[in-house]
N, C-alpha and C. Protein backbone atom coordinates (compact mmCIF):
# COMPACT_ATOMS: atom_id res chain seq x y z
N MET A 1 166.19 -115.95 -99.72
CA MET A 1 167.29 -115.28 -99.31
C MET A 1 168.65 -116.24 -99.27
N ASN A 2 169.99 -115.61 -99.99
CA ASN A 2 170.89 -116.48 -100.16
C ASN A 2 171.21 -116.59 -98.91
N ALA A 3 172.55 -117.62 -98.82
CA ALA A 3 173.37 -117.96 -97.72
C ALA A 3 174.08 -116.69 -97.35
N LEU A 4 174.14 -116.57 -95.78
CA LEU A 4 174.86 -115.35 -95.14
C LEU A 4 175.97 -115.82 -94.71
N ALA A 5 176.88 -115.05 -94.41
CA ALA A 5 178.59 -115.25 -93.58
C ALA A 5 178.45 -114.07 -92.98
N LEU A 6 179.24 -114.49 -91.68
CA LEU A 6 179.69 -113.39 -90.81
C LEU A 6 181.06 -114.06 -90.18
N ARG A 7 181.69 -113.21 -89.80
CA ARG A 7 182.88 -113.31 -88.85
C ARG A 7 182.81 -112.95 -87.41
N PHE A 8 182.85 -113.93 -86.69
CA PHE A 8 182.17 -113.73 -85.14
C PHE A 8 183.80 -113.80 -84.43
N ASP A 9 184.13 -112.57 -83.86
CA ASP A 9 185.43 -112.49 -83.04
C ASP A 9 185.04 -113.05 -81.75
N PHE A 10 186.20 -113.91 -81.13
CA PHE A 10 185.80 -114.21 -79.69
C PHE A 10 187.21 -113.99 -78.93
N ASP A 11 187.06 -113.81 -77.56
CA ASP A 11 188.08 -113.85 -76.76
C ASP A 11 187.27 -114.68 -75.42
N GLU A 12 188.52 -115.29 -74.69
CA GLU A 12 188.01 -115.68 -73.38
C GLU A 12 186.84 -116.81 -73.54
N LEU A 13 186.78 -117.58 -74.98
CA LEU A 13 185.93 -118.73 -75.13
C LEU A 13 186.25 -120.00 -74.20
N THR A 14 185.58 -120.28 -73.48
CA THR A 14 185.89 -121.24 -72.41
C THR A 14 185.26 -122.52 -72.77
N ILE A 15 186.23 -123.53 -72.77
CA ILE A 15 185.84 -124.96 -73.02
C ILE A 15 185.85 -125.63 -71.55
N PRO A 16 184.66 -126.26 -71.07
CA PRO A 16 184.78 -126.77 -70.07
C PRO A 16 185.63 -128.19 -69.87
N VAL A 17 186.25 -128.38 -68.73
CA VAL A 17 187.09 -129.65 -68.41
C VAL A 17 186.41 -130.13 -67.45
N LEU A 18 185.81 -131.47 -67.61
CA LEU A 18 185.20 -132.24 -66.88
C LEU A 18 183.59 -131.83 -66.11
N GLY A 19 183.37 -131.13 -67.38
CA GLY A 19 182.21 -130.25 -66.88
C GLY A 19 182.40 -128.76 -66.12
N ARG A 20 183.58 -128.33 -65.60
CA ARG A 20 183.86 -127.31 -64.90
C ARG A 20 184.45 -126.28 -65.93
N ASN A 21 183.56 -125.20 -65.74
CA ASN A 21 184.26 -123.81 -66.73
C ASN A 21 185.24 -123.15 -65.90
N ASP A 22 185.59 -123.44 -64.42
CA ASP A 22 186.37 -122.71 -63.55
C ASP A 22 187.86 -123.22 -63.66
N ASN A 23 188.11 -124.47 -64.61
CA ASN A 23 189.08 -124.84 -64.91
C ASN A 23 189.71 -125.20 -66.20
N GLY A 24 188.55 -124.43 -66.87
CA GLY A 24 188.87 -124.83 -68.35
C GLY A 24 189.73 -124.28 -69.27
N LEU A 25 189.72 -124.31 -70.68
CA LEU A 25 190.78 -123.78 -71.46
C LEU A 25 190.01 -122.31 -71.72
N LEU A 26 190.95 -121.09 -72.22
CA LEU A 26 190.28 -120.02 -72.70
C LEU A 26 191.01 -120.01 -74.41
N LEU A 27 190.23 -119.67 -75.15
CA LEU A 27 190.43 -119.59 -76.29
C LEU A 27 190.46 -118.01 -76.83
N TYR A 28 191.18 -117.86 -77.96
CA TYR A 28 190.98 -116.59 -78.49
C TYR A 28 191.00 -116.73 -79.93
N GLY A 29 190.28 -115.91 -80.95
CA GLY A 29 190.18 -115.99 -82.35
C GLY A 29 188.89 -115.49 -82.98
N PHE A 30 188.47 -116.29 -83.84
CA PHE A 30 187.07 -115.83 -84.75
C PHE A 30 186.67 -117.04 -85.30
N ALA A 31 185.43 -117.20 -85.57
CA ALA A 31 184.64 -118.10 -86.14
C ALA A 31 184.19 -117.47 -87.55
N GLU A 32 184.14 -118.43 -88.46
CA GLU A 32 183.11 -118.08 -89.76
C GLU A 32 181.86 -118.69 -89.37
N LEU A 33 180.77 -118.10 -89.61
CA LEU A 33 179.51 -118.48 -89.44
C LEU A 33 178.91 -118.48 -90.70
N SER A 34 177.84 -119.30 -91.07
CA SER A 34 177.05 -119.30 -92.49
C SER A 34 175.77 -119.72 -92.13
N GLY A 35 175.01 -119.62 -92.81
CA GLY A 35 173.26 -120.08 -92.79
C GLY A 35 172.49 -119.24 -93.46
N ASP A 36 171.19 -119.09 -92.87
CA ASP A 36 170.23 -118.42 -93.47
C ASP A 36 169.53 -117.51 -92.30
N ARG A 37 168.14 -117.02 -92.60
CA ARG A 37 167.42 -116.25 -91.73
C ARG A 37 166.90 -117.42 -90.51
N GLU A 38 167.19 -118.52 -90.82
CA GLU A 38 166.67 -119.38 -89.60
C GLU A 38 167.55 -119.86 -88.53
N GLY A 39 169.04 -119.38 -88.91
CA GLY A 39 170.27 -119.92 -88.14
C GLY A 39 171.24 -120.03 -88.75
N PHE A 40 172.48 -120.32 -87.84
CA PHE A 40 173.69 -120.23 -88.52
C PHE A 40 174.38 -121.70 -87.59
N SER A 41 175.29 -121.92 -88.26
CA SER A 41 176.65 -122.78 -87.88
C SER A 41 178.05 -122.38 -87.70
N VAL A 42 178.95 -122.78 -87.18
CA VAL A 42 180.26 -122.64 -87.37
C VAL A 42 180.90 -123.30 -88.44
N GLU A 43 181.20 -122.99 -89.33
CA GLU A 43 182.08 -123.65 -90.51
C GLU A 43 183.61 -123.84 -90.12
N THR A 44 184.14 -122.77 -89.78
CA THR A 44 185.38 -122.75 -89.35
C THR A 44 185.99 -121.92 -88.05
N VAL A 45 186.87 -122.35 -87.58
CA VAL A 45 187.47 -121.63 -86.52
C VAL A 45 188.92 -121.17 -86.42
N HIS A 46 189.36 -119.71 -86.40
CA HIS A 46 190.71 -119.32 -86.62
C HIS A 46 191.05 -119.02 -85.24
N LEU A 47 192.04 -119.80 -84.51
CA LEU A 47 192.52 -119.52 -83.20
C LEU A 47 193.58 -118.35 -83.60
N ALA A 48 193.93 -117.47 -82.19
CA ALA A 48 194.60 -116.55 -82.39
C ALA A 48 196.06 -116.48 -83.02
N GLU A 49 196.56 -117.77 -83.10
CA GLU A 49 198.09 -117.85 -83.45
C GLU A 49 198.05 -118.48 -84.72
N GLY A 50 196.78 -118.53 -85.49
CA GLY A 50 196.98 -118.90 -86.93
C GLY A 50 196.38 -120.54 -87.27
N THR A 51 195.95 -121.19 -86.02
CA THR A 51 195.64 -122.55 -86.30
C THR A 51 194.14 -122.28 -86.91
N VAL A 52 193.88 -123.21 -87.83
CA VAL A 52 192.42 -122.98 -88.39
C VAL A 52 192.03 -124.70 -88.25
N LEU A 53 190.52 -124.78 -87.59
CA LEU A 53 189.97 -125.76 -87.63
C LEU A 53 188.70 -125.73 -88.27
N ARG A 54 188.47 -126.94 -88.86
CA ARG A 54 187.34 -126.99 -90.01
C ARG A 54 186.35 -128.08 -89.63
N ARG A 55 185.12 -127.55 -89.80
CA ARG A 55 183.98 -128.58 -89.41
C ARG A 55 183.97 -129.98 -90.36
N GLY A 56 184.52 -129.96 -91.45
CA GLY A 56 184.74 -130.95 -92.24
C GLY A 56 185.67 -131.95 -91.80
N GLY A 57 186.67 -131.59 -90.92
CA GLY A 57 187.62 -132.42 -90.48
C GLY A 57 188.68 -132.03 -90.61
N ASN A 58 189.63 -132.26 -89.79
CA ASN A 58 191.23 -131.77 -89.59
C ASN A 58 192.51 -132.58 -89.82
N ARG A 59 192.28 -133.59 -90.84
CA ARG A 59 193.43 -134.28 -91.11
C ARG A 59 194.58 -133.97 -91.33
N GLU A 60 195.62 -134.52 -90.89
CA GLU A 60 197.13 -133.88 -91.17
C GLU A 60 198.11 -134.80 -91.71
N CYS A 61 198.47 -134.76 -93.07
CA CYS A 61 199.28 -135.61 -93.79
C CYS A 61 198.75 -136.79 -93.70
N GLY A 62 197.37 -136.95 -94.03
CA GLY A 62 196.45 -138.23 -94.22
C GLY A 62 196.32 -139.18 -93.00
N ARG A 63 196.40 -138.37 -91.58
CA ARG A 63 196.19 -139.03 -90.47
C ARG A 63 194.91 -138.40 -89.89
N PRO A 64 194.48 -139.25 -89.22
CA PRO A 64 193.31 -138.57 -88.50
C PRO A 64 193.63 -137.35 -87.52
N ALA A 65 192.64 -136.25 -87.34
CA ALA A 65 193.16 -135.42 -86.11
C ALA A 65 192.02 -135.40 -84.98
N ALA A 66 192.09 -136.38 -84.47
CA ALA A 66 191.13 -136.31 -83.16
C ALA A 66 190.95 -135.52 -82.31
N PHE A 67 192.12 -134.70 -81.98
CA PHE A 67 192.02 -133.74 -80.97
C PHE A 67 191.32 -132.44 -81.60
N ALA A 68 192.03 -132.16 -82.95
CA ALA A 68 191.43 -131.05 -83.34
C ALA A 68 190.01 -130.99 -83.63
N ASP A 69 189.57 -132.21 -84.23
CA ASP A 69 188.05 -132.34 -84.43
C ASP A 69 187.22 -132.26 -83.27
N GLU A 70 187.77 -132.74 -82.11
CA GLU A 70 187.07 -132.40 -81.11
C GLU A 70 187.20 -131.06 -80.41
N LEU A 71 188.34 -130.41 -80.60
CA LEU A 71 188.43 -128.94 -80.35
C LEU A 71 187.41 -128.11 -80.90
N PHE A 72 187.25 -128.64 -82.36
CA PHE A 72 186.35 -127.66 -83.16
C PHE A 72 184.74 -128.16 -82.35
N ARG A 73 184.38 -129.20 -82.22
CA ARG A 73 183.18 -129.63 -81.96
C ARG A 73 182.84 -128.83 -80.81
N ARG A 74 183.86 -128.79 -79.81
CA ARG A 74 183.48 -128.14 -78.48
C ARG A 74 183.34 -126.66 -78.50
N ILE A 75 184.38 -125.87 -79.49
CA ILE A 75 184.20 -124.50 -79.79
C ILE A 75 182.89 -124.04 -80.21
N ALA A 76 182.49 -125.09 -81.43
CA ALA A 76 181.23 -124.76 -82.21
C ALA A 76 180.02 -124.78 -81.21
N ALA A 77 179.96 -126.01 -80.36
CA ALA A 77 179.05 -126.05 -79.46
C ALA A 77 178.62 -124.72 -78.54
N VAL A 78 180.14 -124.23 -77.81
CA VAL A 78 179.51 -122.94 -77.38
C VAL A 78 179.25 -121.57 -77.73
N ILE A 79 179.62 -121.55 -79.41
CA ILE A 79 179.07 -120.31 -80.12
C ILE A 79 177.74 -120.67 -80.71
N GLU A 80 177.35 -121.73 -81.22
CA GLU A 80 175.91 -122.31 -81.40
C GLU A 80 174.90 -122.30 -80.47
N ASN A 81 175.22 -122.26 -79.25
CA ASN A 81 174.20 -122.19 -78.28
C ASN A 81 173.90 -121.20 -77.44
N ASP A 82 172.69 -120.70 -77.83
CA ASP A 82 172.58 -119.12 -77.08
C ASP A 82 172.28 -119.24 -75.65
N ARG A 83 172.42 -120.20 -75.13
CA ARG A 83 172.39 -120.42 -73.34
C ARG A 83 173.79 -120.02 -72.88
N THR A 84 174.75 -119.92 -73.77
CA THR A 84 176.28 -119.19 -73.53
C THR A 84 176.22 -117.83 -73.49
N VAL A 85 177.18 -117.26 -72.78
CA VAL A 85 177.30 -115.82 -72.99
C VAL A 85 177.96 -115.65 -74.43
N LEU A 86 178.79 -115.94 -74.91
CA LEU A 86 179.43 -116.31 -76.23
C LEU A 86 178.15 -116.57 -77.33
N GLY A 87 177.35 -117.36 -77.14
CA GLY A 87 176.34 -118.06 -78.09
C GLY A 87 175.46 -116.90 -78.14
N ARG A 88 174.97 -116.17 -76.89
CA ARG A 88 174.00 -115.20 -77.12
C ARG A 88 174.58 -114.06 -77.81
N HIS A 89 175.69 -113.45 -77.85
CA HIS A 89 176.77 -112.51 -78.71
C HIS A 89 176.60 -113.02 -80.09
N ALA A 90 176.71 -114.29 -80.58
CA ALA A 90 176.78 -114.86 -82.05
C ALA A 90 175.42 -114.62 -82.30
N ALA A 91 174.26 -114.95 -81.39
CA ALA A 91 172.97 -114.93 -82.13
C ALA A 91 172.35 -113.56 -82.17
N MET A 92 173.04 -112.65 -81.61
CA MET A 92 172.61 -111.21 -81.72
C MET A 92 172.95 -110.59 -82.81
N GLU A 93 174.52 -110.94 -83.14
CA GLU A 93 175.25 -110.68 -84.39
C GLU A 93 174.50 -110.87 -85.52
N TRP A 94 174.01 -112.38 -85.41
CA TRP A 94 173.62 -113.22 -86.58
C TRP A 94 172.08 -112.39 -86.91
N ALA A 95 171.23 -112.08 -85.97
CA ALA A 95 170.09 -111.60 -86.11
C ALA A 95 170.30 -110.33 -86.73
N GLU A 96 171.36 -109.21 -86.39
CA GLU A 96 171.16 -108.09 -86.97
C GLU A 96 171.99 -108.17 -88.26
N LEU A 97 172.56 -109.25 -88.73
CA LEU A 97 172.98 -109.63 -90.13
C LEU A 97 171.78 -109.93 -90.90
N VAL A 98 170.91 -110.87 -90.38
CA VAL A 98 169.60 -111.11 -91.06
C VAL A 98 168.75 -109.88 -91.36
N GLU A 99 168.58 -109.27 -90.03
CA GLU A 99 167.88 -107.80 -90.52
C GLU A 99 168.53 -106.94 -91.64
N ARG A 100 169.56 -106.65 -91.70
CA ARG A 100 170.26 -105.77 -92.72
C ARG A 100 169.98 -106.63 -94.04
N HIS A 101 170.09 -107.77 -94.28
CA HIS A 101 169.59 -108.48 -95.43
C HIS A 101 168.31 -108.50 -95.46
N SER A 102 167.54 -108.36 -94.93
CA SER A 102 166.09 -108.54 -95.08
C SER A 102 165.45 -107.05 -95.44
N GLU A 103 166.31 -105.92 -95.17
CA GLU A 103 165.59 -104.71 -95.39
C GLU A 103 165.48 -104.40 -97.00
N PRO A 104 164.63 -103.81 -97.44
CA PRO A 104 164.41 -103.49 -99.04
C PRO A 104 165.41 -102.57 -99.31
N ALA A 105 165.86 -103.04 -100.53
CA ALA A 105 167.17 -101.94 -101.16
C ALA A 105 166.67 -100.70 -101.30
């Protein structure tokens, strides 16, 4: 099977602050997932107002973008974790995509 890709829309994705979700950040947008029948990873995150975060780094004008890189890692950790609500939704959507691509033509 070739690599698969999926757009996963999210709203109210919570990034914990100091380990607490009740005072965390809420984010809206979509993530581009890629992988195979074994699983997926987040490749890019598109926030609602147009900011794009990339797995490979978010350098700006030749300077590191530590905050953007950390934000990407934290968003990806929520989506890739099937113990979170959004992670379970992403895993279900991914399983449906794999199933559709596994069916005989």
